Amino acid sequence: MKRSKDRKAVKENKLKKVWGFLWEENSLLSWAAFFIIVLPICFLIIKFLFFPLFSLVFSSPLPFVIVESGSMEHNNANFETWWNSSGIWYEASNITKEEFLEWPLNNGFNKGDIMVVAGSEKYNQGDVIVFKREAGVPIIHRLIFLEPLGTKGDNNLYQLGEEKNISKDRVLGKAIFRIPLLGYLKLVFVDIYNSIK
């Protein structure tokens, strides 16, 4: 009985030492061990538990999207200022300022924001949707036309070619919530990776 208690105490002591080494010690070796041991475990948990769970909850194969470009930015302008410079295209497409103001995320969003995306049976004009491209990362832009589906980035002067006539099977969901700028953490690592590639 005493021997099993001693073994248990030794195991607990070893775990405390490892925990202290990884989380509390501030040495170069501790940091290296953290990056080698903890980060891969976190990555695996996020990839194989977190994302599948949220994909199920939000009915979307891509429940979180990091905005990688400034195509939906309103350049920190108030709506009136933005509309005065960008509203011409919408008015030419029979979309009034009043209609635009009724749309979700009508002040746009920024590079580095994380968008929470949910699947839907119905998409409305003005929704911000995510859709698969022919090649490359998905696009997150505003749904402007319903028949056929067509989008446009709020900050773009015109529609891109691949934004016209989007088939419904390419739509991954619509943005329902915005987490400002938190995605920059990933974008910094992607930029570093791309620069050394």
N, C-alpha and C. Protein backbone atom coordinates (compact mmCIF):
# COMPACT_ATOMS: atom_id res chain seq x y z
N MET A 1 0.83 -1.20 0.00
CA MET A 1 0.00 0.00 0.00
C MET A 1 0.87 1.26 0.00
N LYS A 2 1.90 1.26 0.90
CA LYS A 2 2.80 2.41 0.98
C LYS A 2 3.58 2.57 -0.32
N ARG A 3 3.97 1.45 -0.93
CA ARG A 3 4.75 1.49 -2.17
C ARG A 3 3.92 2.12 -3.31
N SER A 4 2.62 1.77 -3.41
CA SER A 4 1.77 2.35 -4.47
C SER A 4 1.56 3.84 -4.23
N LYS A 5 1.48 4.26 -2.96
CA LYS A 5 1.36 5.69 -2.66
C LYS A 5 2.64 6.43 -3.04
N ASP A 6 3.78 5.78 -2.77
CA ASP A 6 5.06 6.38 -3.13
C ASP A 6 5.19 6.54 -4.65
N ARG A 7 4.77 5.51 -5.39
CA ARG A 7 4.82 5.59 -6.87
C ARG A 7 3.93 6.72 -7.38
N LYS A 8 2.75 6.82 -6.79
CA LYS A 8 1.81 7.87 -7.19
C LYS A 8 2.40 9.25 -6.91
N ALA A 9 3.03 9.41 -5.74
CA ALA A 9 3.65 10.68 -5.37
C ALA A 9 4.80 11.01 -6.31
N VAL A 10 5.58 10.00 -6.70
CA VAL A 10 6.70 10.21 -7.63
C VAL A 10 6.17 10.66 -8.99
N LYS A 11 5.10 10.01 -9.47
CA LYS A 11 4.50 10.37 -10.76
C LYS A 11 3.97 11.80 -10.72
N GLU A 12 3.27 12.15 -9.63
CA GLU A 12 2.73 13.50 -9.50
C GLU A 12 3.85 14.54 -9.47
N ASN A 13 4.92 14.21 -8.77
CA ASN A 13 6.06 15.11 -8.69
C ASN A 13 6.70 15.31 -10.07
N LYS A 14 6.83 14.23 -10.85
CA LYS A 14 7.38 14.33 -12.21
C LYS A 14 6.49 15.20 -13.09
N LEU A 15 5.16 14.99 -13.00
CA LEU A 15 4.22 15.80 -13.79
C LEU A 15 4.32 17.27 -13.43
N LYS A 16 4.45 17.56 -12.13
CA LYS A 16 4.58 18.96 -11.70
C LYS A 16 5.87 19.57 -12.25
N LYS A 17 6.94 18.80 -12.27
CA LYS A 17 8.21 19.31 -12.80
C LYS A 17 8.10 19.59 -14.30
N VAL A 18 7.49 18.67 -15.04
CA VAL A 18 7.32 18.86 -16.48
C VAL A 18 6.43 20.08 -16.74
N TRP A 19 5.31 20.16 -16.00
CA TRP A 19 4.39 21.29 -16.14
C TRP A 19 5.13 22.61 -15.86
N GLY A 20 5.87 22.65 -14.76
CA GLY A 20 6.62 23.85 -14.41
C GLY A 20 7.66 24.20 -15.46
N PHE A 21 8.32 23.18 -16.01
CA PHE A 21 9.32 23.40 -17.04
C PHE A 21 8.69 24.01 -18.29
N LEU A 22 7.55 23.46 -18.73
CA LEU A 22 6.92 23.91 -19.97
C LEU A 22 6.20 25.25 -19.81
N TRP A 23 5.56 25.50 -18.69
CA TRP A 23 4.68 26.65 -18.55
C TRP A 23 5.23 27.78 -17.69
N GLU A 24 6.13 27.46 -16.77
CA GLU A 24 6.56 28.50 -15.83
C GLU A 24 8.02 28.91 -16.00
N GLU A 25 8.87 27.99 -16.41
CA GLU A 25 10.28 28.32 -16.56
C GLU A 25 10.47 29.22 -17.77
N ASN A 26 11.41 30.13 -17.66
CA ASN A 26 11.61 31.09 -18.74
C ASN A 26 13.00 30.95 -19.36
N SER A 27 13.37 29.72 -19.67
CA SER A 27 14.68 29.47 -20.28
C SER A 27 14.52 29.18 -21.77
N LEU A 28 15.61 29.28 -22.48
CA LEU A 28 15.60 28.99 -23.91
C LEU A 28 15.19 27.54 -24.17
N LEU A 29 15.69 26.63 -23.34
CA LEU A 29 15.35 25.21 -23.47
C LEU A 29 13.87 24.97 -23.21
N SER A 30 13.31 25.67 -22.23
CA SER A 30 11.88 25.55 -21.92
C SER A 30 11.03 26.02 -23.11
N TRP A 31 11.43 27.16 -23.71
CA TRP A 31 10.70 27.68 -24.88
C TRP A 31 10.79 26.71 -26.05
N ALA A 32 11.97 26.17 -26.28
CA ALA A 32 12.14 25.21 -27.38
C ALA A 32 11.27 23.98 -27.16
N ALA A 33 11.27 23.46 -25.93
CA ALA A 33 10.45 22.29 -25.62
C ALA A 33 8.97 22.61 -25.80
N PHE A 34 8.56 23.81 -25.41
CA PHE A 34 7.17 24.23 -25.57
C PHE A 34 6.77 24.18 -27.05
N PHE A 35 7.62 24.76 -27.91
CA PHE A 35 7.30 24.78 -29.34
C PHE A 35 7.34 23.39 -29.96
N ILE A 36 8.19 22.53 -29.46
CA ILE A 36 8.31 21.18 -30.02
C ILE A 36 7.20 20.25 -29.53
N ILE A 37 6.77 20.42 -28.28
CA ILE A 37 5.80 19.49 -27.68
C ILE A 37 4.39 20.05 -27.67
N VAL A 38 4.21 21.24 -27.11
CA VAL A 38 2.86 21.77 -26.86
C VAL A 38 2.18 22.25 -28.13
N LEU A 39 2.86 23.01 -28.96
CA LEU A 39 2.21 23.55 -30.15
C LEU A 39 1.68 22.48 -31.11
N PRO A 40 2.46 21.41 -31.39
CA PRO A 40 1.89 20.36 -32.24
C PRO A 40 0.64 19.70 -31.63
N ILE A 41 0.65 19.52 -30.32
CA ILE A 41 -0.53 18.94 -29.66
C ILE A 41 -1.73 19.88 -29.82
N CYS A 42 -1.49 21.18 -29.61
CA CYS A 42 -2.58 22.16 -29.79
C CYS A 42 -3.09 22.14 -31.23
N PHE A 43 -2.18 22.07 -32.19
CA PHE A 43 -2.57 22.01 -33.59
C PHE A 43 -3.46 20.80 -33.86
N LEU A 44 -3.07 19.64 -33.35
CA LEU A 44 -3.85 18.41 -33.56
C LEU A 44 -5.24 18.52 -32.92
N ILE A 45 -5.31 19.08 -31.73
CA ILE A 45 -6.60 19.25 -31.05
C ILE A 45 -7.50 20.18 -31.86
N ILE A 46 -6.92 21.29 -32.33
CA ILE A 46 -7.71 22.25 -33.12
C ILE A 46 -8.17 21.62 -34.42
N LYS A 47 -7.26 20.96 -35.13
CA LYS A 47 -7.58 20.41 -36.46
C LYS A 47 -8.56 19.24 -36.40
N PHE A 48 -8.37 18.33 -35.43
CA PHE A 48 -9.15 17.10 -35.45
C PHE A 48 -10.28 17.04 -34.42
N LEU A 49 -10.38 18.04 -33.54
CA LEU A 49 -11.47 18.05 -32.56
C LEU A 49 -12.27 19.34 -32.66
N PHE A 50 -11.57 20.47 -32.55
CA PHE A 50 -12.21 21.78 -32.52
C PHE A 50 -12.95 22.08 -33.83
N PHE A 51 -12.23 22.01 -34.97
CA PHE A 51 -12.86 22.34 -36.25
C PHE A 51 -13.98 21.38 -36.64
N PRO A 52 -13.81 20.06 -36.50
CA PRO A 52 -14.93 19.18 -36.83
C PRO A 52 -16.17 19.44 -35.96
N LEU A 53 -15.94 19.73 -34.68
CA LEU A 53 -17.06 20.01 -33.79
C LEU A 53 -17.80 21.27 -34.23
N PHE A 54 -17.05 22.34 -34.53
CA PHE A 54 -17.69 23.58 -34.97
C PHE A 54 -18.27 23.46 -36.37
N SER A 55 -17.69 22.64 -37.21
CA SER A 55 -18.28 22.38 -38.54
C SER A 55 -19.67 21.78 -38.37
N LEU A 56 -19.80 20.87 -37.43
CA LEU A 56 -21.09 20.25 -37.15
C LEU A 56 -22.08 21.26 -36.57
N VAL A 57 -21.62 22.05 -35.60
CA VAL A 57 -22.48 23.04 -34.95
C VAL A 57 -22.98 24.09 -35.95
N PHE A 58 -22.09 24.58 -36.81
CA PHE A 58 -22.46 25.66 -37.73
C PHE A 58 -22.87 25.17 -39.13
N SER A 59 -22.90 23.86 -39.32
CA SER A 59 -23.31 23.28 -40.62
C SER A 59 -22.51 23.85 -41.78
N SER A 60 -21.22 24.02 -41.57
CA SER A 60 -20.36 24.53 -42.63
C SER A 60 -19.03 23.79 -42.58
N PRO A 61 -18.51 23.40 -43.76
CA PRO A 61 -17.19 22.76 -43.77
C PRO A 61 -16.06 23.72 -43.39
N LEU A 62 -16.37 25.01 -43.37
CA LEU A 62 -15.37 26.04 -43.04
C LEU A 62 -16.00 27.01 -42.03
N PRO A 63 -16.07 26.61 -40.73
CA PRO A 63 -16.79 27.42 -39.75
C PRO A 63 -16.09 28.72 -39.37
N PHE A 64 -14.78 28.82 -39.63
CA PHE A 64 -14.04 30.04 -39.33
C PHE A 64 -13.19 30.40 -40.54
N VAL A 65 -13.24 31.68 -40.91
CA VAL A 65 -12.47 32.16 -42.06
C VAL A 65 -11.67 33.36 -41.62
N ILE A 66 -10.38 33.34 -41.91
CA ILE A 66 -9.53 34.50 -41.66
C ILE A 66 -9.50 35.33 -42.93
N VAL A 67 -9.86 36.59 -42.82
CA VAL A 67 -9.88 37.49 -43.96
C VAL A 67 -8.44 37.80 -44.35
N GLU A 68 -8.07 37.48 -45.59
CA GLU A 68 -6.69 37.60 -46.04
C GLU A 68 -6.42 38.79 -46.94
N SER A 69 -7.44 39.56 -47.27
CA SER A 69 -7.22 40.72 -48.14
C SER A 69 -8.07 41.89 -47.64
N GLY A 70 -7.86 43.03 -48.25
CA GLY A 70 -8.62 44.22 -47.88
C GLY A 70 -9.81 44.47 -48.77
N SER A 71 -10.29 43.44 -49.47
CA SER A 71 -11.37 43.64 -50.45
C SER A 71 -12.72 43.97 -49.83
N MET A 72 -12.87 43.77 -48.51
CA MET A 72 -14.14 44.13 -47.86
C MET A 72 -13.99 45.30 -46.90
N GLU A 73 -12.82 45.93 -46.90
CA GLU A 73 -12.58 47.05 -45.99
C GLU A 73 -13.30 48.31 -46.48
N HIS A 74 -13.69 49.12 -45.53
CA HIS A 74 -14.25 50.43 -45.85
C HIS A 74 -13.25 51.52 -45.48
N ASN A 75 -11.98 51.11 -45.31
CA ASN A 75 -10.86 52.02 -45.07
C ASN A 75 -11.08 52.95 -43.88
N ASN A 76 -11.70 52.41 -42.83
CA ASN A 76 -11.96 53.15 -41.58
C ASN A 76 -12.78 54.41 -41.80
N ALA A 77 -13.48 54.48 -42.90
CA ALA A 77 -14.32 55.65 -43.16
C ALA A 77 -15.71 55.40 -42.58
N ASN A 78 -16.41 56.48 -42.25
CA ASN A 78 -17.81 56.27 -41.86
C ASN A 78 -18.60 55.89 -43.10
N PHE A 79 -19.80 55.39 -42.91
CA PHE A 79 -20.55 54.84 -44.04
C PHE A 79 -20.77 55.88 -45.13
N GLU A 80 -21.14 57.10 -44.76
CA GLU A 80 -21.42 58.14 -45.77
C GLU A 80 -20.20 58.40 -46.65
N THR A 81 -19.04 58.52 -46.03
CA THR A 81 -17.81 58.76 -46.79
C THR A 81 -17.52 57.59 -47.72
N TRP A 82 -17.67 56.37 -47.18
CA TRP A 82 -17.42 55.19 -48.01
C TRP A 82 -18.41 55.14 -49.18
N TRP A 83 -19.69 55.38 -48.91
CA TRP A 83 -20.71 55.31 -49.96
C TRP A 83 -20.44 56.35 -51.04
N ASN A 84 -20.02 57.55 -50.65
CA ASN A 84 -19.76 58.60 -51.64
C ASN A 84 -18.67 58.20 -52.62
N SER A 85 -17.71 57.38 -52.17
CA SER A 85 -16.65 56.97 -53.09
C SER A 85 -16.92 55.62 -53.75
N SER A 86 -17.73 54.77 -53.11
CA SER A 86 -17.91 53.40 -53.63
C SER A 86 -19.34 53.08 -54.05
N GLY A 87 -20.27 53.93 -53.72
CA GLY A 87 -21.68 53.62 -53.98
C GLY A 87 -22.10 53.68 -55.44
N ILE A 88 -21.28 54.27 -56.29
CA ILE A 88 -21.64 54.43 -57.71
C ILE A 88 -21.93 53.07 -58.35
N TRP A 89 -21.06 52.08 -58.07
CA TRP A 89 -21.24 50.75 -58.68
C TRP A 89 -22.55 50.14 -58.23
N TYR A 90 -22.89 50.28 -56.95
CA TYR A 90 -24.12 49.69 -56.42
C TYR A 90 -25.35 50.38 -57.00
N GLU A 91 -25.30 51.69 -57.08
CA GLU A 91 -26.42 52.42 -57.67
C GLU A 91 -26.62 52.04 -59.13
N ALA A 92 -25.51 51.82 -59.85
CA ALA A 92 -25.60 51.38 -61.25
C ALA A 92 -26.19 49.97 -61.33
N SER A 93 -26.10 49.21 -60.24
CA SER A 93 -26.67 47.86 -60.19
C SER A 93 -28.03 47.85 -59.49
N ASN A 94 -28.66 49.03 -59.42
CA ASN A 94 -30.00 49.21 -58.83
C ASN A 94 -30.06 48.83 -57.34
N ILE A 95 -29.00 49.15 -56.61
CA ILE A 95 -28.96 48.93 -55.16
C ILE A 95 -28.81 50.31 -54.52
N THR A 96 -29.79 50.70 -53.72
CA THR A 96 -29.75 52.02 -53.11
C THR A 96 -28.95 52.01 -51.82
N LYS A 97 -28.58 53.19 -51.37
CA LYS A 97 -27.86 53.33 -50.11
C LYS A 97 -28.71 52.78 -48.96
N GLU A 98 -30.01 53.05 -49.00
CA GLU A 98 -30.91 52.58 -47.94
C GLU A 98 -30.96 51.06 -47.90
N GLU A 99 -30.98 50.41 -49.07
CA GLU A 99 -30.96 48.95 -49.11
C GLU A 99 -29.65 48.41 -48.54
N PHE A 100 -28.55 49.02 -48.94
CA PHE A 100 -27.24 48.57 -48.46
C PHE A 100 -27.16 48.67 -46.95
N LEU A 101 -27.70 49.74 -46.37
CA LEU A 101 -27.66 49.93 -44.92
C LEU A 101 -28.43 48.84 -44.16
N GLU A 102 -29.37 48.18 -44.82
CA GLU A 102 -30.14 47.09 -44.19
C GLU A 102 -29.37 45.78 -44.19
N TRP A 103 -28.30 45.69 -44.94
CA TRP A 103 -27.56 44.44 -45.08
C TRP A 103 -26.67 44.19 -43.86
N PRO A 104 -26.41 42.91 -43.58
CA PRO A 104 -25.48 42.61 -42.48
C PRO A 104 -24.06 43.06 -42.82
N LEU A 105 -23.31 43.39 -41.78
CA LEU A 105 -21.91 43.82 -41.94
C LEU A 105 -21.78 44.96 -42.95
N ASN A 106 -22.72 45.91 -42.88
CA ASN A 106 -22.75 46.97 -43.88
C ASN A 106 -21.59 47.96 -43.76
N ASN A 107 -20.79 47.84 -42.71
CA ASN A 107 -19.57 48.66 -42.61
C ASN A 107 -18.34 47.87 -43.00
N GLY A 108 -18.55 46.72 -43.65
CA GLY A 108 -17.44 45.91 -44.12
C GLY A 108 -16.69 45.26 -42.97
N PHE A 109 -15.50 44.76 -43.26
CA PHE A 109 -14.62 44.18 -42.26
C PHE A 109 -13.21 44.22 -42.81
N ASN A 110 -12.25 43.87 -41.96
CA ASN A 110 -10.84 44.12 -42.28
C ASN A 110 -10.02 42.87 -42.48
N LYS A 111 -8.92 43.04 -43.17
CA LYS A 111 -7.92 41.98 -43.26
C LYS A 111 -7.51 41.62 -41.83
N GLY A 112 -7.42 40.32 -41.55
CA GLY A 112 -7.06 39.87 -40.21
C GLY A 112 -8.24 39.55 -39.32
N ASP A 113 -9.45 39.95 -39.72
CA ASP A 113 -10.64 39.58 -38.94
C ASP A 113 -10.91 38.09 -39.12
N ILE A 114 -11.51 37.48 -38.12
CA ILE A 114 -11.97 36.10 -38.24
C ILE A 114 -13.49 36.17 -38.36
N MET A 115 -14.02 35.52 -39.38
CA MET A 115 -15.47 35.49 -39.58
C MET A 115 -15.98 34.09 -39.21
N VAL A 116 -17.03 34.08 -38.40
CA VAL A 116 -17.70 32.82 -38.08
C VAL A 116 -18.72 32.58 -39.19
N VAL A 117 -18.68 31.38 -39.77
CA VAL A 117 -19.47 31.07 -40.96
C VAL A 117 -20.44 29.94 -40.66
N ALA A 118 -21.70 30.13 -41.05
CA ALA A 118 -22.73 29.09 -40.86
C ALA A 118 -23.33 28.72 -42.20
N GLY A 119 -23.62 27.43 -42.36
CA GLY A 119 -24.30 26.97 -43.56
C GLY A 119 -25.75 27.45 -43.53
N SER A 120 -26.37 27.53 -44.68
CA SER A 120 -27.75 28.01 -44.75
C SER A 120 -28.43 27.40 -45.96
N GLU A 121 -29.73 27.26 -45.85
CA GLU A 121 -30.52 26.81 -47.00
C GLU A 121 -30.85 27.98 -47.92
N LYS A 122 -30.88 29.19 -47.33
CA LYS A 122 -31.29 30.36 -48.09
C LYS A 122 -30.29 31.49 -47.90
N TYR A 123 -29.93 32.12 -49.00
CA TYR A 123 -29.04 33.26 -48.96
C TYR A 123 -29.77 34.46 -49.54
N ASN A 124 -29.58 35.61 -48.89
CA ASN A 124 -30.26 36.83 -49.31
C ASN A 124 -29.26 37.83 -49.88
N GLN A 125 -29.77 38.71 -50.71
CA GLN A 125 -28.94 39.78 -51.23
C GLN A 125 -28.36 40.56 -50.05
N GLY A 126 -27.05 40.80 -50.09
CA GLY A 126 -26.39 41.54 -49.03
C GLY A 126 -25.67 40.66 -48.02
N ASP A 127 -26.02 39.35 -47.97
CA ASP A 127 -25.29 38.44 -47.08
C ASP A 127 -23.83 38.39 -47.50
N VAL A 128 -22.96 38.17 -46.54
CA VAL A 128 -21.55 37.96 -46.84
C VAL A 128 -21.33 36.46 -46.86
N ILE A 129 -20.95 35.94 -48.04
CA ILE A 129 -20.82 34.50 -48.19
C ILE A 129 -19.37 34.10 -48.45
N VAL A 130 -19.11 32.84 -48.18
CA VAL A 130 -17.80 32.24 -48.49
C VAL A 130 -18.05 31.21 -49.58
N PHE A 131 -17.24 31.28 -50.64
CA PHE A 131 -17.40 30.29 -51.70
C PHE A 131 -16.04 29.81 -52.19
N LYS A 132 -16.05 28.57 -52.69
CA LYS A 132 -14.82 27.96 -53.22
C LYS A 132 -14.49 28.55 -54.57
N ARG A 133 -13.21 28.79 -54.77
CA ARG A 133 -12.73 29.23 -56.07
C ARG A 133 -12.37 28.01 -56.91
N GLU A 134 -12.06 28.25 -58.15
CA GLU A 134 -11.58 27.16 -59.01
C GLU A 134 -10.26 26.62 -58.46
N ALA A 135 -9.40 27.54 -57.97
CA ALA A 135 -8.14 27.15 -57.35
C ALA A 135 -7.78 28.22 -56.33
N GLY A 136 -7.15 27.83 -55.25
CA GLY A 136 -6.74 28.79 -54.22
C GLY A 136 -7.70 28.81 -53.06
N VAL A 137 -7.46 29.77 -52.17
CA VAL A 137 -8.27 29.87 -50.95
C VAL A 137 -9.66 30.39 -51.30
N PRO A 138 -10.67 30.02 -50.49
CA PRO A 138 -12.04 30.52 -50.74
C PRO A 138 -12.10 32.05 -50.66
N ILE A 139 -13.13 32.60 -51.24
CA ILE A 139 -13.36 34.05 -51.23
C ILE A 139 -14.52 34.34 -50.29
N ILE A 140 -14.39 35.44 -49.53
CA ILE A 140 -15.49 35.92 -48.68
C ILE A 140 -15.86 37.32 -49.14
N HIS A 141 -17.01 37.42 -49.85
CA HIS A 141 -17.50 38.68 -50.40
C HIS A 141 -19.01 38.78 -50.22
N ARG A 142 -19.52 39.94 -50.54
CA ARG A 142 -20.95 40.21 -50.37
C ARG A 142 -21.76 39.68 -51.55
N LEU A 143 -22.86 39.02 -51.25
CA LEU A 143 -23.76 38.50 -52.28
C LEU A 143 -24.57 39.66 -52.84
N ILE A 144 -24.38 39.94 -54.11
CA ILE A 144 -25.02 41.08 -54.76
C ILE A 144 -26.17 40.63 -55.66
N PHE A 145 -25.95 39.53 -56.39
CA PHE A 145 -26.96 39.05 -57.32
C PHE A 145 -27.39 37.65 -56.92
N LEU A 146 -28.68 37.36 -57.05
CA LEU A 146 -29.21 36.06 -56.63
C LEU A 146 -29.41 35.10 -57.79
N GLU A 147 -29.68 35.59 -58.97
CA GLU A 147 -29.92 34.72 -60.12
C GLU A 147 -29.15 35.21 -61.33
N PRO A 148 -28.05 34.63 -61.66
CA PRO A 148 -27.26 33.65 -60.92
C PRO A 148 -26.54 34.32 -59.75
N LEU A 149 -26.05 33.51 -58.82
CA LEU A 149 -25.34 34.05 -57.67
C LEU A 149 -24.10 34.81 -58.11
N GLY A 150 -23.95 36.01 -57.56
CA GLY A 150 -22.77 36.82 -57.87
C GLY A 150 -22.40 37.67 -56.66
N THR A 151 -21.11 37.83 -56.43
CA THR A 151 -20.64 38.59 -55.28
C THR A 151 -19.75 39.75 -55.72
N LYS A 152 -19.41 40.58 -54.75
CA LYS A 152 -18.45 41.67 -55.00
C LYS A 152 -17.85 42.07 -53.66
N GLY A 153 -16.55 42.35 -53.66
CA GLY A 153 -15.90 42.90 -52.47
C GLY A 153 -16.28 44.36 -52.33
N ASP A 154 -16.67 44.77 -51.13
CA ASP A 154 -17.10 46.16 -50.91
C ASP A 154 -16.04 47.16 -51.35
N ASN A 155 -14.78 46.82 -51.21
CA ASN A 155 -13.68 47.73 -51.51
C ASN A 155 -13.15 47.58 -52.94
N ASN A 156 -13.70 46.64 -53.68
CA ASN A 156 -13.27 46.45 -55.07
C ASN A 156 -14.07 47.36 -55.99
N LEU A 157 -13.45 47.79 -57.07
CA LEU A 157 -14.13 48.68 -58.02
C LEU A 157 -15.16 47.94 -58.86
N TYR A 158 -14.96 46.63 -59.03
CA TYR A 158 -15.83 45.84 -59.89
C TYR A 158 -15.81 44.39 -59.42
N GLN A 159 -16.64 43.55 -60.03
CA GLN A 159 -16.65 42.12 -59.72
C GLN A 159 -15.47 41.43 -60.38
N LEU A 160 -14.90 40.47 -59.67
CA LEU A 160 -13.89 39.61 -60.28
C LEU A 160 -14.59 38.61 -61.19
N GLY A 161 -13.89 38.07 -62.17
CA GLY A 161 -14.50 37.11 -63.09
C GLY A 161 -15.09 35.91 -62.39
N GLU A 162 -14.40 35.40 -61.37
CA GLU A 162 -14.88 34.20 -60.68
C GLU A 162 -16.02 34.49 -59.71
N GLU A 163 -16.41 35.76 -59.58
CA GLU A 163 -17.53 36.11 -58.70
C GLU A 163 -18.87 36.08 -59.44
N LYS A 164 -18.84 35.86 -60.71
CA LYS A 164 -20.07 35.85 -61.49
C LYS A 164 -20.51 34.41 -61.71
N ASN A 165 -21.79 34.19 -61.61
CA ASN A 165 -22.37 32.87 -61.89
C ASN A 165 -21.76 31.78 -60.99
N ILE A 166 -21.87 31.98 -59.69
CA ILE A 166 -21.36 31.02 -58.71
C ILE A 166 -22.40 29.93 -58.51
N SER A 167 -22.01 28.67 -58.69
CA SER A 167 -22.96 27.58 -58.46
C SER A 167 -23.16 27.38 -56.96
N LYS A 168 -24.38 27.01 -56.56
CA LYS A 168 -24.71 26.88 -55.14
C LYS A 168 -23.87 25.84 -54.43
N ASP A 169 -23.38 24.84 -55.15
CA ASP A 169 -22.57 23.81 -54.49
C ASP A 169 -21.18 24.33 -54.11
N ARG A 170 -20.81 25.51 -54.60
CA ARG A 170 -19.52 26.10 -54.22
C ARG A 170 -19.63 27.00 -52.99
N VAL A 171 -20.86 27.29 -52.55
CA VAL A 171 -21.06 28.16 -51.39
C VAL A 171 -20.87 27.35 -50.11
N LEU A 172 -19.98 27.84 -49.23
CA LEU A 172 -19.65 27.14 -47.99
C LEU A 172 -20.44 27.65 -46.79
N GLY A 173 -21.08 28.81 -46.92
CA GLY A 173 -21.87 29.37 -45.83
C GLY A 173 -21.83 30.88 -45.86
N LYS A 174 -22.47 31.48 -44.85
CA LYS A 174 -22.48 32.94 -44.77
C LYS A 174 -21.94 33.39 -43.41
N ALA A 175 -21.33 34.57 -43.42
CA ALA A 175 -20.74 35.12 -42.20
C ALA A 175 -21.86 35.55 -41.26
N ILE A 176 -21.75 35.11 -40.00
CA ILE A 176 -22.77 35.49 -39.02
C ILE A 176 -22.19 36.29 -37.86
N PHE A 177 -20.85 36.30 -37.75
CA PHE A 177 -20.22 37.00 -36.62
C PHE A 177 -18.78 37.33 -36.99
N ARG A 178 -18.31 38.45 -36.46
CA ARG A 178 -16.95 38.92 -36.77
C ARG A 178 -16.12 39.04 -35.50
N ILE A 179 -14.91 38.48 -35.53
CA ILE A 179 -13.96 38.63 -34.43
C ILE A 179 -12.84 39.51 -34.97
N PRO A 180 -12.78 40.78 -34.57
CA PRO A 180 -11.83 41.72 -35.19
C PRO A 180 -10.36 41.35 -34.98
N LEU A 181 -9.61 41.35 -36.07
CA LEU A 181 -8.14 41.33 -36.14
C LEU A 181 -7.42 40.13 -35.50
N LEU A 182 -8.11 39.20 -34.87
CA LEU A 182 -7.46 38.08 -34.22
C LEU A 182 -6.76 37.16 -35.22
N GLY A 183 -7.21 37.16 -36.45
CA GLY A 183 -6.62 36.31 -37.49
C GLY A 183 -5.24 36.76 -37.92
N TYR A 184 -4.82 37.96 -37.51
CA TYR A 184 -3.48 38.41 -37.88
C TYR A 184 -2.40 37.49 -37.35
N LEU A 185 -2.68 36.79 -36.25
CA LEU A 185 -1.70 35.84 -35.72
C LEU A 185 -1.32 34.82 -36.77
N LYS A 186 -2.33 34.28 -37.47
CA LYS A 186 -2.05 33.29 -38.52
C LYS A 186 -1.43 33.96 -39.74
N LEU A 187 -1.93 35.13 -40.11
CA LEU A 187 -1.44 35.80 -41.31
C LEU A 187 0.05 36.12 -41.21
N VAL A 188 0.53 36.47 -40.02
CA VAL A 188 1.95 36.76 -39.84
C VAL A 188 2.77 35.51 -40.15
N PHE A 189 2.33 34.34 -39.62
CA PHE A 189 3.06 33.10 -39.88
C PHE A 189 2.99 32.72 -41.36
N VAL A 190 1.85 32.94 -42.00
CA VAL A 190 1.71 32.62 -43.42
C VAL A 190 2.64 33.51 -44.24
N ASP A 191 2.72 34.80 -43.89
CA ASP A 191 3.60 35.72 -44.61
C ASP A 191 5.08 35.29 -44.46
N ILE A 192 5.45 34.89 -43.24
CA ILE A 192 6.83 34.43 -43.01
C ILE A 192 7.11 33.17 -43.83
N TYR A 193 6.16 32.24 -43.81
CA TYR A 193 6.33 30.98 -44.56
C TYR A 193 6.47 31.28 -46.06
N ASN A 194 5.59 32.16 -46.57
CA ASN A 194 5.63 32.48 -48.00
C ASN A 194 6.93 33.19 -48.40
N SER A 195 7.50 33.97 -47.47
CA SER A 195 8.73 34.70 -47.80
C SER A 195 9.95 33.79 -47.86
N ILE A 196 9.92 32.65 -47.14
CA ILE A 196 11.06 31.75 -47.18
C ILE A 196 10.86 30.56 -48.14
N LYS A 197 9.71 30.48 -48.75
CA LYS A 197 9.39 29.38 -49.66
C LYS A 197 10.20 29.46 -50.93
